[in-house]
Amino acid sequence: MHWDYGFIEVGRYEMNGKILRLGLIGKDVSKSHSPQIHSYILKAFGYDCLYEKLSVSAEDFDMAMRRLLGDCDGFNVTIPYKRDVLEYLDEVKGDALACGAVNTVVCATRAGYNTDGVGFLDMLQANGVETKGKRILILGAGGAGRSSAVALKNAGASVFMYRRNKAELLETCEQLGVEAANASEEGGFDIVINSTGVGMHDTVGVSPVTKKAFAGATWAIDLIYEPAESAFLRIAKSCGLQTLNGEAMLFYQAYHADCVYLQKTPNPLQAKALYESYTKGERL
């Protein structure tokens, strides 16, 4: 599966030596594992990094963005700012254009990329989740949901999305070329994916759906990884479904983001080996 996140031409920019200044911006990134993951991957590439986490309100987003663009080599973007970042960029590369969301920024060129989709597919493949020809429901239409929808569509799945605002749902589905689900709990899907963010931070213990949503499904996937088992996954497991959280997706999208920063061609075997060694706690 080819995922185009728009590598820039070698020579367009250079990172500052062997120490990369990176960051993560989101509403609440206090529990993010990104610093550890990026440090681990970059060490394998022969680099060190200084990685800063910035939890910012909407009111402080502009100031934080300007500081990151001025002080860092690159940075990652998470909930809820993957679309807000677009207005600060000079160009949006590859499939970030298709999904209309950015999770990776190269500061020297003010270019935005999206590695969520390829990270998501890497996670599914590593766990034996078949998607081709499957009916898949994605709950939520934020940055991660949008990139996952495009990736799954390109992989041959029949993708449906649901969000409460009907007008925004129809607009998103038209943009992405996927179908709008009539309801969040209509059932009849092979795979149900939670990309809403419900179940983390101040909504821990809350699920966006009840058992009805899992009727006929075999897999439930929550892009949340903290907590490791969300209420969404607990309910799905009680219905006999196989479950998966988003921890591996976080690692794989970080691997691809670091390849963007360093202008390296990603190697699937290398990514898998790094993930396995990271989860085993092996030191590089």
Protein backbone atom coordinates (compact mmCIF):
# COMPACT_ATOMS: atom_id res chain seq x y z
CA MET A 1 0.00 0.00 0.00
CA HIS A 2 1.47 3.34 -1.05
CA TRP A 3 0.70 6.32 1.13
CA ASP A 4 1.82 9.65 -0.22
CA TYR A 5 2.70 12.10 2.50
CA GLY A 6 4.75 14.21 0.14
CA PHE A 7 8.47 13.92 0.74
CA ILE A 8 10.23 17.13 -0.09
CA GLU A 9 13.21 17.02 -2.39
CA VAL A 10 16.54 16.32 -0.74
CA GLY A 11 18.39 19.56 -0.30
CA ARG A 12 15.35 21.78 0.21
CA TYR A 13 16.23 22.16 3.88
CA GLU A 14 18.67 20.86 6.47
CA MET A 15 18.12 19.99 10.10
CA ASN A 16 20.42 21.53 12.70
CA GLY A 17 23.15 18.92 13.08
CA LYS A 18 22.52 15.76 15.09
CA ILE A 19 20.17 17.32 17.65
CA LEU A 20 16.62 17.97 16.44
CA ARG A 21 14.40 20.47 18.21
CA LEU A 22 10.90 19.02 18.06
CA GLY A 23 7.58 19.52 19.80
CA LEU A 24 3.95 18.50 20.14
CA ILE A 25 1.01 20.87 20.33
CA GLY A 26 -2.51 19.97 21.42
CA LYS A 27 -5.22 20.90 23.90
CA ASP A 28 -3.91 18.47 26.52
CA VAL A 29 -0.73 16.52 25.76
CA SER A 30 0.25 15.98 29.38
CA LYS A 31 0.00 12.17 29.08
CA SER A 32 1.45 11.87 25.59
CA HIS A 33 4.15 9.26 24.98
CA SER A 34 5.49 11.17 21.98
CA PRO A 35 8.75 12.42 23.56
CA GLN A 36 9.86 8.88 24.48
CA ILE A 37 8.83 7.44 21.12
CA HIS A 38 10.50 10.08 18.96
CA SER A 39 13.66 9.95 21.07
CA TYR A 40 13.80 6.17 20.64
CA ILE A 41 13.28 6.25 16.87
CA LEU A 42 15.67 9.12 16.25
CA LYS A 43 18.37 7.43 18.32
CA ALA A 44 18.13 4.48 15.93
CA PHE A 45 18.72 6.96 13.10
CA GLY A 46 21.76 8.43 14.89
CA TYR A 47 20.10 11.61 16.16
CA ASP A 48 19.23 13.11 19.52
CA CYS A 49 16.23 15.34 20.06
CA LEU A 50 14.86 17.92 22.43
CA TYR A 51 11.12 17.32 22.46
CA GLU A 52 8.72 19.78 24.06
CA LYS A 53 5.06 19.16 24.87
CA LEU A 54 2.74 22.16 24.64
CA SER A 55 -0.79 21.93 26.04
CA VAL A 56 -2.52 25.11 24.89
CA SER A 57 -6.01 26.59 24.86
CA ALA A 58 -7.56 27.97 21.70
CA GLU A 59 -6.74 31.47 22.93
CA ASP A 60 -3.02 30.63 23.25
CA PHE A 61 -2.76 28.58 20.05
CA ASP A 62 -1.57 31.44 17.84
CA MET A 63 1.27 32.45 20.15
CA ALA A 64 2.35 28.82 20.62
CA MET A 65 2.34 28.17 16.87
CA ARG A 66 4.51 31.17 16.15
CA ARG A 67 7.00 30.10 18.78
CA LEU A 68 7.19 26.53 17.47
CA LEU A 69 7.66 27.70 13.90
CA GLY A 70 10.47 30.02 15.01
CA ASP A 71 12.24 27.79 17.52
CA CYS A 72 11.88 24.21 16.26
CA ASP A 73 13.08 22.06 13.39
CA GLY A 74 9.67 20.41 13.28
CA PHE A 75 6.68 19.54 15.41
CA ASN A 76 3.65 17.31 15.66
CA VAL A 77 0.02 18.37 16.00
CA THR A 78 -2.76 16.55 17.84
CA ILE A 79 -6.36 17.03 19.03
CA PRO A 80 -7.98 19.44 18.28
CA TYR A 81 -5.62 21.51 16.10
CA LYS A 82 -4.86 19.31 13.07
CA ARG A 83 -6.96 21.56 10.85
CA ASP A 84 -6.30 24.86 12.63
CA VAL A 85 -2.60 24.55 11.79
CA LEU A 86 -3.32 24.81 8.05
CA GLU A 87 -3.50 28.61 8.02
CA TYR A 88 0.08 28.87 9.34
CA LEU A 89 1.63 26.80 6.54
CA ASP A 90 3.02 27.77 3.16
CA GLU A 91 2.21 24.38 1.64
CA VAL A 92 0.45 21.14 2.47
CA LYS A 93 2.03 18.03 1.03
CA GLY A 94 0.82 14.67 -0.20
CA ASP A 95 -2.26 13.08 1.35
CA ALA A 96 -2.53 15.80 3.97
CA LEU A 97 -4.29 17.54 1.09
CA ALA A 98 -6.71 14.65 0.67
CA CYS A 99 -7.70 14.43 4.32
CA GLY A 100 -7.44 18.16 5.05
CA ALA A 101 -5.49 17.64 8.27
CA VAL A 102 -1.84 17.95 9.31
CA ASN A 103 -0.02 16.15 12.10
CA THR A 104 3.58 16.88 11.11
CA VAL A 105 5.20 20.23 10.30
CA VAL A 106 8.68 21.00 8.94
CA CYS A 107 9.48 24.50 10.16
CA ALA A 108 12.17 25.48 7.64
CA THR A 109 9.70 25.19 4.77
CA ARG A 110 6.46 25.68 6.72
CA ALA A 111 5.23 22.51 5.04
CA GLY A 112 2.57 20.26 6.54
CA TYR A 113 2.26 16.49 6.21
CA ASN A 114 0.01 13.76 7.53
CA THR A 115 1.46 10.47 8.74
CA ASP A 116 -1.61 9.34 10.71
CA GLY A 117 -3.02 7.35 7.80
CA VAL A 118 0.08 5.31 7.10
CA GLY A 119 0.63 4.81 10.82
CA PHE A 120 -2.94 3.57 11.17
CA LEU A 121 -2.55 1.07 8.31
CA ASP A 122 0.78 -0.14 9.72
CA MET A 123 -0.95 -0.82 13.04
CA LEU A 124 -3.77 -2.75 11.40
CA GLN A 125 -1.40 -4.84 9.32
CA ALA A 126 0.77 -5.67 12.34
CA ASN A 127 -2.31 -6.95 14.18
CA GLY A 128 -3.82 -8.92 11.32
CA VAL A 129 -6.84 -6.66 10.82
CA GLU A 130 -8.22 -7.16 7.30
CA THR A 131 -9.87 -4.08 5.80
CA LYS A 132 -10.26 -4.71 2.05
CA GLY A 133 -13.92 -5.11 1.18
CA LYS A 134 -15.01 -4.53 4.79
CA ARG A 135 -17.72 -2.16 5.96
CA ILE A 136 -16.09 0.20 8.44
CA LEU A 137 -17.69 2.84 10.66
CA ILE A 138 -15.56 5.73 11.92
CA LEU A 139 -17.00 7.70 14.81
CA GLY A 140 -15.80 11.30 14.67
CA ALA A 141 -14.41 13.41 11.85
CA GLY A 142 -11.42 15.19 13.33
CA GLY A 143 -7.87 14.96 12.00
CA ALA A 144 -7.22 11.34 12.96
CA GLY A 145 -10.66 10.23 11.78
CA ARG A 146 -10.27 11.99 8.45
CA SER A 147 -6.81 10.56 7.76
CA SER A 148 -7.93 7.06 8.78
CA ALA A 149 -10.95 7.33 6.49
CA VAL A 150 -8.82 8.26 3.48
CA ALA A 151 -6.31 5.49 4.25
CA LEU A 152 -9.03 2.87 4.60
CA LYS A 153 -10.79 4.00 1.43
CA ASN A 154 -7.52 3.77 -0.50
CA ALA A 155 -7.00 0.29 0.95
CA GLY A 156 -10.29 -0.91 -0.53
CA ALA A 157 -12.69 -0.63 2.41
CA SER A 158 -16.25 0.72 2.33
CA VAL A 159 -15.94 3.61 4.75
CA PHE A 160 -18.77 5.29 6.65
CA MET A 161 -18.38 8.20 9.03
CA TYR A 162 -20.61 9.57 11.76
CA ARG A 163 -20.69 12.82 13.68
CA ARG A 164 -23.61 14.51 15.39
CA ASN A 165 -23.66 17.64 13.23
CA LYS A 166 -25.40 16.39 10.10
CA ALA A 167 -24.38 19.29 7.86
CA GLU A 168 -20.71 19.01 8.84
CA LEU A 169 -20.89 15.22 8.44
CA LEU A 170 -22.18 15.46 4.88
CA GLU A 171 -19.60 18.08 4.01
CA THR A 172 -16.75 15.95 5.39
CA CYS A 173 -17.92 12.81 3.62
CA GLU A 174 -18.20 14.66 0.32
CA GLN A 175 -14.67 16.03 0.75
CA LEU A 176 -13.20 12.62 1.56
CA GLY A 177 -15.26 10.54 -0.84
CA VAL A 178 -16.79 8.29 1.83
CA GLU A 179 -20.34 7.58 3.00
CA ALA A 180 -22.29 9.18 5.83
CA ALA A 181 -23.72 6.81 8.44
CA ASN A 182 -27.32 7.45 9.45
CA ALA A 183 -26.65 6.84 13.15
CA SER A 184 -23.81 5.89 15.47
CA GLU A 185 -25.49 2.70 16.66
CA GLU A 186 -27.17 1.27 13.57
CA GLY A 187 -24.86 -1.77 13.56
CA GLY A 188 -24.04 -3.93 10.57
CA PHE A 189 -20.39 -2.90 10.25
CA ASP A 190 -17.40 -5.24 10.27
CA ILE A 191 -15.15 -2.79 12.12
CA VAL A 192 -16.09 0.12 14.41
CA ILE A 193 -13.48 2.81 15.07
CA ASN A 194 -13.61 5.51 17.72
CA SER A 195 -11.73 8.65 16.67
CA THR A 196 -13.79 11.08 18.78
CA GLY A 197 -11.47 11.41 21.76
CA VAL A 198 -14.36 10.47 24.06
CA GLY A 199 -12.89 8.19 26.71
CA MET A 200 -9.73 10.15 27.50
CA HIS A 201 -8.83 13.03 29.84
CA ASP A 202 -12.03 14.36 31.45
CA THR A 203 -14.21 11.70 29.74
CA VAL A 204 -12.35 8.62 31.03
CA GLY A 205 -14.92 5.87 31.62
CA VAL A 206 -17.31 7.23 28.99
CA SER A 207 -18.02 5.52 25.66
CA PRO A 208 -19.44 7.34 22.61
CA VAL A 209 -21.69 4.32 21.87
CA THR A 210 -23.46 1.41 23.57
CA LYS A 211 -23.50 -2.30 22.70
CA LYS A 212 -25.88 -1.65 19.81
CA ALA A 213 -23.05 -0.18 17.72
CA PHE A 214 -21.14 -3.47 17.73
CA ALA A 215 -23.90 -5.69 16.30
CA GLY A 216 -22.36 -7.79 13.53
CA ALA A 217 -18.82 -6.43 14.05
CA THR A 218 -15.64 -8.46 14.59
CA TRP A 219 -13.21 -5.65 15.51
CA ALA A 220 -13.40 -2.50 17.61
CA ILE A 221 -10.53 -0.02 17.40
CA ASP A 222 -10.05 3.01 19.62
CA LEU A 223 -7.46 5.56 18.56
CA ILE A 224 -7.11 6.42 22.26
CA TYR A 225 -4.15 4.73 23.99
CA GLU A 226 -4.42 6.38 27.42
CA PRO A 227 -6.12 4.63 29.17
CA ALA A 228 -5.00 1.40 27.48
CA GLU A 229 -8.52 -0.03 27.60
CA SER A 230 -11.20 2.60 27.14
CA ALA A 231 -14.87 2.15 28.02
CA PHE A 232 -15.50 1.82 24.27
CA LEU A 233 -13.14 -1.17 24.08
CA ARG A 234 -14.46 -2.75 27.28
CA ILE A 235 -18.00 -2.72 25.93
CA ALA A 236 -16.84 -4.12 22.59
CA LYS A 237 -14.90 -6.90 24.32
CA SER A 238 -17.97 -7.81 26.35
CA CYS A 239 -19.76 -8.28 23.02
CA GLY A 240 -17.12 -10.76 21.86
CA LEU A 241 -15.19 -8.42 19.55
CA GLN A 242 -11.44 -8.31 19.10
CA THR A 243 -10.12 -4.97 20.29
CA LEU A 244 -7.17 -2.71 19.61
CA ASN A 245 -6.09 0.66 21.01
CA GLY A 246 -4.04 3.36 19.26
CA GLU A 247 -0.66 2.88 20.93
CA ALA A 248 0.94 1.19 17.89
CA MET A 249 -0.53 3.83 15.59
CA LEU A 250 1.19 6.52 17.67
CA PHE A 251 4.52 4.76 17.26
CA TYR A 252 4.18 4.15 13.53
CA GLN A 253 2.99 7.66 12.70
CA ALA A 254 5.93 8.98 14.74
CA TYR A 255 8.31 6.77 12.74
CA HIS A 256 6.97 8.18 9.47
CA ALA A 257 7.07 11.74 10.86
CA ASP A 258 10.74 11.29 11.75
CA CYS A 259 11.38 10.02 8.22
CA VAL A 260 9.81 13.25 6.96
CA TYR A 261 12.02 15.36 9.23
CA LEU A 262 15.16 13.54 8.09
CA GLN A 263 14.11 13.08 4.45
CA LYS A 264 14.48 9.32 4.79
CA THR A 265 12.53 6.75 2.79
CA PRO A 266 10.54 4.68 5.32
CA ASN A 267 11.28 0.98 5.63
CA PRO A 268 8.31 -1.14 6.84
CA LEU A 269 10.57 -3.86 8.22
CA GLN A 270 12.62 -1.31 10.12
CA ALA A 271 9.49 0.31 11.52
CA LYS A 272 8.12 -3.02 12.73
CA ALA A 273 11.45 -4.04 14.27
CA LEU A 274 11.74 -0.71 16.08
CA TYR A 275 8.20 -0.97 17.42
CA GLU A 276 8.79 -4.51 18.70
CA SER A 277 12.04 -3.52 20.41
CA TYR A 278 10.40 -0.41 21.89
CA THR A 279 7.47 -2.35 23.36
CA LYS A 280 9.89 -4.88 24.86
CA GLY A 281 11.75 -2.06 26.57
CA GLU A 282 15.00 -2.79 24.74
CA ARG A 283 17.65 -0.08 24.83
CA LEU A 284 19.34 1.01 21.61
